[in-house]
Amino acid sequence: MKTIAVLTDLSERSIQAARYALYLAQRVKADILLFNAFLVPSDIAMAAGQISWPVNEYESTKADAERSLKELCEKLEKELRSKNAPGTPLPAITWQCEEAPVAATLSLLEQNKELILLVAATHGADRIQTFVLGNNCRELIDAAGLPLLLVPDNAPVADLEKLVFATDLDSGDIVYINALTRLAEAFSAYITIVNVDPEVPSDSEHNQRVNAFMQEMVLKVDYRHINYRNIPNRHVKKGLNAVLEIEQPGMLVMVHRRTSFPDFFLRSSHTKKMAAHAAFPLLVYPFPADRVPLF
């Protein structure tokens, strides 16, 4: 059965992200896995080269995590039943927890070939929380081998009417657009393909790239509700923010191309920049990817 994994720290904003994931799961006919990565004091102590804590610290922390996950499963199941008529097919909700930083656990989690999506909360109510969550999101973006959906705590749990897919006109993006159409189809949503062109005005070479990209997409993507917008702006983030303000989509979709080691210190990816101040749910596709699951 298709499964959506919610990476939860059991905070209220991650519970809201779980509710968002449940709504998607109902529409794409998937189950939900609540996944919690917990740390014990010895993880921090050993990383700092200090003496480790007793083994029973692990057992106690794990038991607390398991109890909280079970309670959250019951809470979400109760909410789900209350919002749906008796007999309505509902997603199954299961849980799993592991000891490690969350980004380090993804390779283990992604061994489950039924997973089609990872979901995590983003944004904090204050500067310290935003800084910590922002670091976690950046690590998740780099570590994820599956599509990762980052959900702001103010994102409404509602039907998706419009999706914006940001592209640099790389033909490799077309496989992701094709996968995205399955999600759009579940909501009868429109997909707007957006390219921010640093050349103002656009030159003939750029126009040729647009035409080649669109022609290939028409041949490979079987979905009618797709349109294209070119945004002339020398700054990608500013250009994307401008189109998001106009379009007001239910979701922004980007492909994250991992930077080389030197680039890691010199600049941040456009995806990470958008994730840092996401006003809309942000779906991040990793590139390269071993597989691009269909919704």
C-alpha atoms as a PDB file:
ATOM      1  CA  MET A   1       0.000   0.000   0.000  1.00  0.00           C
ATOM      2  CA  LYS A   2       1.280   3.476  -0.837  1.00  0.00           C
ATOM      3  CA  THR A   3       2.497   5.189   2.319  1.00  0.00           C
ATOM      4  CA  ILE A   4       3.225   8.772   3.344  1.00  0.00           C
ATOM      5  CA  ALA A   5       5.750   9.123   6.187  1.00  0.00           C
ATOM      6  CA  VAL A   6       5.298  12.071   8.546  1.00  0.00           C
ATOM      7  CA  LEU A   7       8.543  13.056  10.259  1.00  0.00           C
ATOM      8  CA  THR A   8       7.238  14.188  13.619  1.00  0.00           C
ATOM      9  CA  ASP A   9       8.894  15.599  16.726  1.00  0.00           C
ATOM     10  CA  LEU A  10       5.463  15.391  18.420  1.00  0.00           C
ATOM     11  CA  SER A  11       5.183  19.194  18.573  1.00  0.00           C
ATOM     12  CA  GLU A  12       1.889  20.875  17.744  1.00  0.00           C
ATOM     13  CA  ARG A  13       3.178  22.146  14.380  1.00  0.00           C
ATOM     14  CA  SER A  14       4.303  18.639  13.386  1.00  0.00           C
ATOM     15  CA  ILE A  15       0.885  17.313  14.406  1.00  0.00           C
ATOM     16  CA  GLN A  16      -0.677  19.903  12.109  1.00  0.00           C
ATOM     17  CA  ALA A  17       1.638  18.675   9.340  1.00  0.00           C
ATOM     18  CA  ALA A  18       0.346  15.153  10.050  1.00  0.00           C
ATOM     19  CA  ARG A  19      -3.228  16.381   9.593  1.00  0.00           C
ATOM     20  CA  TYR A  20      -2.203  17.909   6.263  1.00  0.00           C
ATOM     21  CA  ALA A  21      -0.572  14.622   5.241  1.00  0.00           C
ATOM     22  CA  LEU A  22      -3.711  12.692   6.226  1.00  0.00           C
ATOM     23  CA  TYR A  23      -5.807  14.880   3.959  1.00  0.00           C
ATOM     24  CA  LEU A  24      -3.445  14.194   1.043  1.00  0.00           C
ATOM     25  CA  ALA A  25      -3.402  10.488   1.899  1.00  0.00           C
ATOM     26  CA  GLN A  26      -7.177  10.258   1.635  1.00  0.00           C
ATOM     27  CA  ARG A  27      -7.121  11.810  -1.833  1.00  0.00           C
ATOM     28  CA  VAL A  28      -4.285   9.696  -3.240  1.00  0.00           C
ATOM     29  CA  LYS A  29      -5.384   6.533  -1.372  1.00  0.00           C
ATOM     30  CA  ALA A  30      -2.286   6.102   0.787  1.00  0.00           C
ATOM     31  CA  ASP A  31      -1.614   5.108   4.392  1.00  0.00           C
ATOM     32  CA  ILE A  32       0.249   7.178   6.987  1.00  0.00           C
ATOM     33  CA  LEU A  33       3.389   6.302   8.942  1.00  0.00           C
ATOM     34  CA  LEU A  34       4.237   8.578  11.875  1.00  0.00           C
ATOM     35  CA  PHE A  35       8.020   8.508  12.224  1.00  0.00           C
ATOM     36  CA  ASN A  36       9.873   9.928  15.217  1.00  0.00           C
ATOM     37  CA  ALA A  37      13.658  10.149  15.485  1.00  0.00           C
ATOM     38  CA  PHE A  38      14.605  10.667  19.118  1.00  0.00           C
ATOM     39  CA  LEU A  39      17.890  11.543  20.814  1.00  0.00           C
ATOM     40  CA  VAL A  40      19.197  10.489  24.214  1.00  0.00           C
ATOM     41  CA  PRO A  41      21.723  12.527  26.222  1.00  0.00           C
ATOM     42  CA  SER A  42      24.477  10.061  25.338  1.00  0.00           C
ATOM     43  CA  ASP A  43      24.120  11.009  21.644  1.00  0.00           C
ATOM     44  CA  ILE A  44      25.090  14.571  22.477  1.00  0.00           C
ATOM     45  CA  ALA A  45      27.723  13.593  25.034  1.00  0.00           C
ATOM     46  CA  MET A  46      29.461  11.133  22.729  1.00  0.00           C
ATOM     47  CA  ALA A  47      29.436  13.624  19.866  1.00  0.00           C
ATOM     48  CA  ALA A  48      31.211  16.085  22.148  1.00  0.00           C
ATOM     49  CA  GLY A  49      33.767  13.462  23.205  1.00  0.00           C
ATOM     50  CA  GLN A  50      32.398  13.255  26.732  1.00  0.00           C
ATOM     51  CA  ILE A  51      31.451  10.271  28.842  1.00  0.00           C
ATOM     52  CA  SER A  52      28.339   8.399  27.690  1.00  0.00           C
ATOM     53  CA  TRP A  53      25.132   8.156  29.705  1.00  0.00           C
ATOM     54  CA  PRO A  54      23.690   4.919  31.127  1.00  0.00           C
ATOM     55  CA  VAL A  55      22.027   2.453  28.771  1.00  0.00           C
ATOM     56  CA  ASN A  56      18.712   2.718  30.646  1.00  0.00           C
ATOM     57  CA  GLU A  57      18.483   6.322  29.417  1.00  0.00           C
ATOM     58  CA  TYR A  58      17.861   4.872  25.952  1.00  0.00           C
ATOM     59  CA  GLU A  59      15.114   2.523  27.136  1.00  0.00           C
ATOM     60  CA  SER A  60      13.337   5.279  29.034  1.00  0.00           C
ATOM     61  CA  THR A  61      13.473   7.766  26.153  1.00  0.00           C
ATOM     62  CA  LYS A  62      12.340   5.156  23.641  1.00  0.00           C
ATOM     63  CA  ALA A  63       9.399   4.144  25.854  1.00  0.00           C
ATOM     64  CA  ASP A  64       8.323   7.789  26.132  1.00  0.00           C
ATOM     65  CA  ALA A  65       8.522   8.214  22.351  1.00  0.00           C
ATOM     66  CA  GLU A  66       6.530   5.044  21.709  1.00  0.00           C
ATOM     67  CA  ARG A  67       3.840   6.043  24.199  1.00  0.00           C
ATOM     68  CA  SER A  68       3.518   9.499  22.643  1.00  0.00           C
ATOM     69  CA  LEU A  69       3.324   8.057  19.126  1.00  0.00           C
ATOM     70  CA  LYS A  70       0.586   5.612  20.141  1.00  0.00           C
ATOM     71  CA  GLU A  71      -1.392   8.442  21.702  1.00  0.00           C
ATOM     72  CA  LEU A  72      -0.957  10.564  18.578  1.00  0.00           C
ATOM     73  CA  CYS A  73      -2.141   7.681  16.371  1.00  0.00           C
ATOM     74  CA  GLU A  74      -5.275   7.321  18.475  1.00  0.00           C
ATOM     75  CA  LYS A  75      -5.890  11.070  18.434  1.00  0.00           C
ATOM     76  CA  LEU A  76      -5.577  11.350  14.639  1.00  0.00           C
ATOM     77  CA  GLU A  77      -7.683   8.227  14.056  1.00  0.00           C
ATOM     78  CA  LYS A  78     -10.436   9.683  16.260  1.00  0.00           C
ATOM     79  CA  GLU A  79     -10.325  12.999  14.372  1.00  0.00           C
ATOM     80  CA  LEU A  80     -10.421  11.167  11.055  1.00  0.00           C
ATOM     81  CA  ARG A  81     -13.474   9.099  12.007  1.00  0.00           C
ATOM     82  CA  SER A  82     -15.305  12.178  13.293  1.00  0.00           C
ATOM     83  CA  LYS A  83     -14.838  14.006   9.974  1.00  0.00           C
ATOM     84  CA  ASN A  84     -15.939  11.150   7.716  1.00  0.00           C
ATOM     85  CA  ALA A  85     -19.188   9.273   7.287  1.00  0.00           C
ATOM     86  CA  PRO A  86     -19.323   5.698   8.645  1.00  0.00           C
ATOM     87  CA  GLY A  87     -18.018   3.217   6.091  1.00  0.00           C
ATOM     88  CA  THR A  88     -15.727   5.740   4.371  1.00  0.00           C
ATOM     89  CA  PRO A  89     -12.341   4.142   3.497  1.00  0.00           C
ATOM     90  CA  LEU A  90      -9.743   5.784   5.736  1.00  0.00           C
ATOM     91  CA  PRO A  91      -5.928   5.719   5.719  1.00  0.00           C
ATOM     92  CA  ALA A  92      -4.346   3.315   8.169  1.00  0.00           C
ATOM     93  CA  ILE A  93      -2.074   5.123  10.654  1.00  0.00           C
ATOM     94  CA  THR A  94       0.984   3.334  12.029  1.00  0.00           C
ATOM     95  CA  TRP A  95       4.104   4.531  13.820  1.00  0.00           C
ATOM     96  CA  GLN A  96       7.838   3.902  14.047  1.00  0.00           C
ATOM     97  CA  CYS A  97      10.657   5.450  16.077  1.00  0.00           C
ATOM     98  CA  GLU A  98      14.438   5.263  15.873  1.00  0.00           C
ATOM     99  CA  GLU A  99      17.295   6.738  17.892  1.00  0.00           C
ATOM    100  CA  ALA A 100      19.335   9.170  15.783  1.00  0.00           C
ATOM    101  CA  PRO A 101      19.150  12.680  14.325  1.00  0.00           C
ATOM    102  CA  VAL A 102      16.191  12.708  11.938  1.00  0.00           C
ATOM    103  CA  ALA A 103      18.238  13.370   8.779  1.00  0.00           C
ATOM    104  CA  ALA A 104      20.466  10.388   9.607  1.00  0.00           C
ATOM    105  CA  THR A 105      17.485   8.023   9.809  1.00  0.00           C
ATOM    106  CA  LEU A 106      16.140   8.717   6.321  1.00  0.00           C
ATOM    107  CA  SER A 107      18.252   6.088   4.548  1.00  0.00           C
ATOM    108  CA  LEU A 108      16.780   3.450   6.875  1.00  0.00           C
ATOM    109  CA  LEU A 109      13.247   4.769   6.497  1.00  0.00           C
ATOM    110  CA  GLU A 110      13.485   4.957   2.712  1.00  0.00           C
ATOM    111  CA  GLN A 111      14.214   1.245   2.455  1.00  0.00           C
ATOM    112  CA  ASN A 112      10.437   0.901   2.615  1.00  0.00           C
ATOM    113  CA  LYS A 113       9.619   0.802  -1.100  1.00  0.00           C
ATOM    114  CA  GLU A 114       5.969   1.623  -0.440  1.00  0.00           C
ATOM    115  CA  LEU A 115       6.883   5.152   0.662  1.00  0.00           C
ATOM    116  CA  ILE A 116       5.910   7.825  -1.843  1.00  0.00           C
ATOM    117  CA  LEU A 117       6.384  10.990   0.230  1.00  0.00           C
ATOM    118  CA  LEU A 118       8.060  12.391   3.332  1.00  0.00           C
ATOM    119  CA  VAL A 119       6.259  15.173   5.224  1.00  0.00           C
ATOM    120  CA  ALA A 120       7.723  17.519   7.826  1.00  0.00           C
ATOM    121  CA  ALA A 121       6.709  20.755   9.503  1.00  0.00           C
ATOM    122  CA  THR A 122       8.570  23.986   8.984  1.00  0.00           C
ATOM    123  CA  HIS A 123       8.524  27.465  10.516  1.00  0.00           C
ATOM    124  CA  GLY A 124       8.557  28.344  14.169  1.00  0.00           C
ATOM    125  CA  ALA A 125       6.638  30.898  16.156  1.00  0.00           C
ATOM    126  CA  ASP A 126       9.805  32.574  17.413  1.00  0.00           C
ATOM    127  CA  ARG A 127      13.324  33.221  16.176  1.00  0.00           C
ATOM    128  CA  ILE A 128      15.001  30.401  18.101  1.00  0.00           C
ATOM    129  CA  GLN A 129      12.461  27.805  16.963  1.00  0.00           C
ATOM    130  CA  THR A 130      12.656  29.083  13.393  1.00  0.00           C
ATOM    131  CA  PHE A 131      16.459  28.806  13.465  1.00  0.00           C
ATOM    132  CA  VAL A 132      16.402  25.233  14.795  1.00  0.00           C
ATOM    133  CA  LEU A 133      13.626  24.070  12.469  1.00  0.00           C
ATOM    134  CA  GLY A 134      15.288  25.852   9.575  1.00  0.00           C
ATOM    135  CA  ASN A 135      18.494  23.904  10.169  1.00  0.00           C
ATOM    136  CA  ASN A 136      16.521  20.648  10.346  1.00  0.00           C
ATOM    137  CA  CYS A 137      14.742  21.461   7.084  1.00  0.00           C
ATOM    138  CA  ARG A 138      18.008  22.226   5.304  1.00  0.00           C
ATOM    139  CA  GLU A 139      19.453  18.922   6.507  1.00  0.00           C
ATOM    140  CA  LEU A 140      16.326  17.053   5.417  1.00  0.00           C
ATOM    141  CA  ILE A 141      16.412  18.667   1.975  1.00  0.00           C
ATOM    142  CA  ASP A 142      19.979  17.427   1.457  1.00  0.00           C
ATOM    143  CA  ALA A 143      19.402  13.977   2.987  1.00  0.00           C
ATOM    144  CA  ALA A 144      16.036  13.023   1.464  1.00  0.00           C
ATOM    145  CA  GLY A 145      16.057  10.494  -1.345  1.00  0.00           C
ATOM    146  CA  LEU A 146      12.264  10.746  -1.756  1.00  0.00           C
ATOM    147  CA  PRO A 147       9.979  13.739  -2.353  1.00  0.00           C
ATOM    148  CA  LEU A 148       9.884  15.880   0.784  1.00  0.00           C
ATOM    149  CA  LEU A 149       6.892  18.082   1.612  1.00  0.00           C
ATOM    150  CA  LEU A 150       7.595  20.920   4.053  1.00  0.00           C
ATOM    151  CA  VAL A 151       4.397  22.231   5.610  1.00  0.00           C
ATOM    152  CA  PRO A 152       4.223  25.666   7.293  1.00  0.00           C
ATOM    153  CA  ASP A 153       2.167  25.703  10.472  1.00  0.00           C
ATOM    154  CA  ASN A 154      -0.348  28.105   8.915  1.00  0.00           C
ATOM    155  CA  ALA A 155      -1.015  25.964   5.822  1.00  0.00           C
ATOM    156  CA  PRO A 156      -4.763  25.302   5.464  1.00  0.00           C
ATOM    157  CA  VAL A 157      -5.879  21.681   5.242  1.00  0.00           C
ATOM    158  CA  ALA A 158      -7.919  22.082   2.060  1.00  0.00           C
ATOM    159  CA  ASP A 159      -8.179  21.002  -1.557  1.00  0.00           C
ATOM    160  CA  LEU A 160      -5.310  21.890  -3.855  1.00  0.00           C
ATOM    161  CA  GLU A 161      -6.553  24.058  -6.714  1.00  0.00           C
ATOM    162  CA  LYS A 162      -3.218  25.189  -8.134  1.00  0.00           C
ATOM    163  CA  LEU A 163       0.370  23.922  -8.035  1.00  0.00           C
ATOM    164  CA  VAL A 164       3.395  25.981  -9.101  1.00  0.00           C
ATOM    165  CA  PHE A 165       6.387  24.013 -10.414  1.00  0.00           C
ATOM    166  CA  ALA A 166       9.593  26.065 -10.568  1.00  0.00           C
ATOM    167  CA  THR A 167      12.027  24.952 -13.276  1.00  0.00           C
ATOM    168  CA  ASP A 168      15.303  26.057 -14.795  1.00  0.00           C
ATOM    169  CA  LEU A 169      14.175  24.357 -18.035  1.00  0.00           C
ATOM    170  CA  ASP A 170      16.332  21.280 -17.435  1.00  0.00           C
ATOM    171  CA  SER A 171      14.725  18.420 -19.362  1.00  0.00           C
ATOM    172  CA  GLY A 172      15.312  16.199 -16.309  1.00  0.00           C
ATOM    173  CA  ASP A 173      12.495  18.087 -14.568  1.00  0.00           C
ATOM    174  CA  ILE A 174       9.906  16.555 -16.872  1.00  0.00           C
ATOM    175  CA  VAL A 175       9.927  13.202 -15.058  1.00  0.00           C
ATOM    176  CA  TYR A 176       9.034  15.075 -11.849  1.00  0.00           C
ATOM    177  CA  ILE A 177       6.267  17.020 -13.555  1.00  0.00           C
ATOM    178  CA  ASN A 178       4.854  13.751 -14.841  1.00  0.00           C
ATOM    179  CA  ALA A 179       4.849  12.307 -11.301  1.00  0.00           C
ATOM    180  CA  LEU A 180       3.261  15.494  -9.959  1.00  0.00           C
ATOM    181  CA  THR A 181       0.307  15.196 -12.335  1.00  0.00           C
ATOM    182  CA  ARG A 182      -0.960  12.237 -10.275  1.00  0.00           C
ATOM    183  CA  LEU A 183      -1.304  14.507  -7.264  1.00  0.00           C
ATOM    184  CA  ALA A 184      -2.852  17.275  -9.349  1.00  0.00           C
ATOM    185  CA  GLU A 185      -5.305  14.809 -10.881  1.00  0.00           C
ATOM    186  CA  ALA A 186      -6.509  13.741  -7.419  1.00  0.00           C
ATOM    187  CA  PHE A 187      -7.638  17.335  -6.817  1.00  0.00           C
ATOM    188  CA  SER A 188      -8.365  18.364 -10.443  1.00  0.00           C
ATOM    189  CA  ALA A 189      -5.732  21.038  -9.849  1.00  0.00           C
ATOM    190  CA  TYR A 190      -3.910  23.210 -12.374  1.00  0.00           C
ATOM    191  CA  ILE A 191      -0.123  23.090 -12.683  1.00  0.00           C
ATOM    192  CA  THR A 192       1.707  26.293 -13.585  1.00  0.00           C
ATOM    193  CA  ILE A 193       5.261  25.757 -14.842  1.00  0.00           C
ATOM    194  CA  VAL A 194       7.354  28.793 -13.846  1.00  0.00           C
ATOM    195  CA  ASN A 195      10.801  29.766 -15.061  1.00  0.00           C
ATOM    196  CA  VAL A 196      12.608  32.799 -13.703  1.00  0.00           C
ATOM    197  CA  ASP A 197      14.764  34.176 -16.497  1.00  0.00           C
ATOM    198  CA  PRO A 198      17.755  36.265 -15.369  1.00  0.00           C
ATOM    199  CA  GLU A 199      17.982  37.873 -18.802  1.00  0.00           C
ATOM    200  CA  VAL A 200      15.777  40.958 -18.906  1.00  0.00           C
ATOM    201  CA  PRO A 201      14.315  40.991 -21.484  1.00  0.00           C
ATOM    202  CA  SER A 202      14.547  37.305 -22.471  1.00  0.00           C
ATOM    203  CA  ASP A 203      16.983  36.564 -25.275  1.00  0.00           C
ATOM    204  CA  SER A 204      16.459  34.303 -28.279  1.00  0.00           C
ATOM    205  CA  GLU A 205      18.525  31.487 -26.735  1.00  0.00           C
ATOM    206  CA  HIS A 206      16.237  31.420 -23.711  1.00  0.00           C
ATOM    207  CA  ASN A 207      13.159  31.355 -25.930  1.00  0.00           C
ATOM    208  CA  GLN A 208      14.597  28.370 -27.792  1.00  0.00           C
ATOM    209  CA  ARG A 209      15.133  26.545 -24.481  1.00  0.00           C
ATOM    210  CA  VAL A 210      11.535  27.288 -23.468  1.00  0.00           C
ATOM    211  CA  ASN A 211      10.192  25.948 -26.762  1.00  0.00           C
ATOM    212  CA  ALA A 212      12.326  22.786 -26.557  1.00  0.00           C
ATOM    213  CA  PHE A 213      11.273  22.162 -22.943  1.00  0.00           C
ATOM    214  CA  MET A 214       7.574  22.661 -23.646  1.00  0.00           C
ATOM    215  CA  GLN A 215       7.635  20.470 -26.755  1.00  0.00           C
ATOM    216  CA  GLU A 216       9.271  17.630 -24.827  1.00  0.00           C
ATOM    217  CA  MET A 217       6.827  18.055 -21.956  1.00  0.00           C
ATOM    218  CA  VAL A 218       3.838  17.862 -24.287  1.00  0.00           C
ATOM    219  CA  LEU A 219       5.173  14.564 -25.640  1.00  0.00           C
ATOM    220  CA  LYS A 220       5.896  13.010 -22.232  1.00  0.00           C
ATOM    221  CA  VAL A 221       3.288  14.461 -19.855  1.00  0.00           C
ATOM    222  CA  ASP A 222      -0.346  13.464 -20.319  1.00  0.00           C
ATOM    223  CA  TYR A 223      -2.192  16.132 -18.341  1.00  0.00           C
ATOM    224  CA  ARG A 224      -4.315  18.894 -19.808  1.00  0.00           C
ATOM    225  CA  HIS A 225      -4.369  21.438 -16.988  1.00  0.00           C
ATOM    226  CA  ILE A 226      -0.820  22.764 -17.391  1.00  0.00           C
ATOM    227  CA  ASN A 227       0.292  26.249 -18.354  1.00  0.00           C
ATOM    228  CA  TYR A 228       3.633  28.078 -18.499  1.00  0.00           C
ATOM    229  CA  ARG A 229       4.813  31.425 -17.165  1.00  0.00           C
ATOM    230  CA  ASN A 230       8.141  33.135 -17.744  1.00  0.00           C
ATOM    231  CA  ILE A 231       9.177  35.588 -15.027  1.00  0.00           C
ATOM    232  CA  PRO A 232      11.947  38.026 -16.025  1.00  0.00           C
ATOM    233  CA  ASN A 233      13.988  38.735 -12.913  1.00  0.00           C
ATOM    234  CA  ARG A 234      17.705  38.637 -12.171  1.00  0.00           C
ATOM    235  CA  HIS A 235      17.003  37.226  -8.699  1.00  0.00           C
ATOM    236  CA  VAL A 236      15.377  33.783  -8.664  1.00  0.00           C
ATOM    237  CA  LYS A 237      13.938  34.076  -5.150  1.00  0.00           C
ATOM    238  CA  LYS A 238      12.409  37.498  -5.863  1.00  0.00           C
ATOM    239  CA  GLY A 239      10.987  36.248  -9.131  1.00  0.00           C
ATOM    240  CA  LEU A 240       9.420  33.191  -7.507  1.00  0.00           C
ATOM    241  CA  ASN A 241       7.992  35.238  -4.655  1.00  0.00           C
ATOM    242  CA  ALA A 242       6.432  37.610  -7.170  1.00  0.00           C
ATOM    243  CA  VAL A 243       4.661  34.805  -9.033  1.00  0.00           C
ATOM    244  CA  LEU A 244       3.583  33.138  -5.773  1.00  0.00           C
ATOM    245  CA  GLU A 245       1.986  36.382  -4.647  1.00  0.00           C
ATOM    246  CA  ILE A 246       0.032  36.513  -7.910  1.00  0.00           C
ATOM    247  CA  GLU A 247      -0.848  32.828  -8.250  1.00  0.00           C
ATOM    248  CA  GLN A 248      -1.492  32.042  -4.539  1.00  0.00           C
ATOM    249  CA  PRO A 249      -0.973  28.299  -5.139  1.00  0.00           C
ATOM    250  CA  GLY A 250      -1.754  25.504  -2.736  1.00  0.00           C
ATOM    251  CA  MET A 251       1.778  24.204  -3.150  1.00  0.00           C
ATOM    252  CA  LEU A 252       5.169  25.209  -4.565  1.00  0.00           C
ATOM    253  CA  VAL A 253       7.206  22.415  -6.162  1.00  0.00           C
ATOM    254  CA  MET A 254      10.961  22.551  -6.752  1.00  0.00           C
ATOM    255  CA  VAL A 255      13.764  20.164  -7.728  1.00  0.00           C
ATOM    256  CA  HIS A 256      16.748  20.263  -5.378  1.00  0.00           C
ATOM    257  CA  ARG A 257      20.053  19.667  -7.108  1.00  0.00           C
ATOM    258  CA  ARG A 258      22.600  18.956  -4.418  1.00  0.00           C
ATOM    259  CA  THR A 259      25.551  21.351  -4.511  1.00  0.00           C
ATOM    260  CA  SER A 260      29.157  20.228  -4.650  1.00  0.00           C
ATOM    261  CA  PHE A 261      31.258  20.306  -1.477  1.00  0.00           C
ATOM    262  CA  PRO A 262      32.822  23.754  -2.146  1.00  0.00           C
ATOM    263  CA  ASP A 263      29.441  25.175  -3.157  1.00  0.00           C
ATOM    264  CA  PHE A 264      28.005  24.061   0.180  1.00  0.00           C
ATOM    265  CA  PHE A 265      30.069  26.746   1.909  1.00  0.00           C
ATOM    266  CA  LEU A 266      29.776  29.406  -0.785  1.00  0.00           C
ATOM    267  CA  ARG A 267      26.070  29.523  -1.487  1.00  0.00           C
ATOM    268  CA  SER A 268      22.712  28.057  -0.596  1.00  0.00           C
ATOM    269  CA  SER A 269      20.428  26.397  -3.127  1.00  0.00           C
ATOM    270  CA  HIS A 270      17.331  28.196  -4.375  1.00  0.00           C
ATOM    271  CA  THR A 271      15.257  25.444  -2.755  1.00  0.00           C
ATOM    272  CA  LYS A 272      16.758  26.063   0.677  1.00  0.00           C
ATOM    273  CA  LYS A 273      16.255  29.806   0.283  1.00  0.00           C
ATOM    274  CA  MET A 274      12.569  29.290  -0.462  1.00  0.00           C
ATOM    275  CA  ALA A 275      12.222  26.759   2.380  1.00  0.00           C
ATOM    276  CA  ALA A 276      13.686  29.237   4.865  1.00  0.00           C
ATOM    277  CA  HIS A 277      10.652  31.523   4.548  1.00  0.00           C
ATOM    278  CA  ALA A 278       8.036  29.218   3.035  1.00  0.00           C
ATOM    279  CA  ALA A 279       4.582  30.782   2.959  1.00  0.00           C
ATOM    280  CA  PHE A 280       3.141  27.784   1.101  1.00  0.00           C
ATOM    281  CA  PRO A 281       3.688  24.033   1.412  1.00  0.00           C
ATOM    282  CA  LEU A 282       6.930  23.285  -0.441  1.00  0.00           C
ATOM    283  CA  LEU A 283       7.333  19.944  -2.231  1.00  0.00           C
ATOM    284  CA  VAL A 284      11.013  19.192  -2.868  1.00  0.00           C
ATOM    285  CA  TYR A 285      12.074  16.544  -5.373  1.00  0.00           C
ATOM    286  CA  PRO A 286      15.669  15.311  -4.918  1.00  0.00           C
ATOM    287  CA  PHE A 287      18.021  15.159  -7.895  1.00  0.00           C
ATOM    288  CA  PRO A 288      19.410  12.726  -8.672  1.00  0.00           C
ATOM    289  CA  ALA A 289      16.838  10.228  -7.414  1.00  0.00           C
ATOM    290  CA  ASP A 290      16.921   6.433  -7.511  1.00  0.00           C
ATOM    291  CA  ARG A 291      13.163   6.458  -8.063  1.00  0.00           C
ATOM    292  CA  VAL A 292      10.441   9.053  -8.558  1.00  0.00           C
ATOM    293  CA  PRO A 293       7.336   7.600  -6.910  1.00  0.00           C
ATOM    294  CA  LEU A 294       3.869   8.298  -8.280  1.00  0.00           C
ATOM    295  CA  PHE A 295       1.160   9.657  -6.016  1.00  0.00           C
END
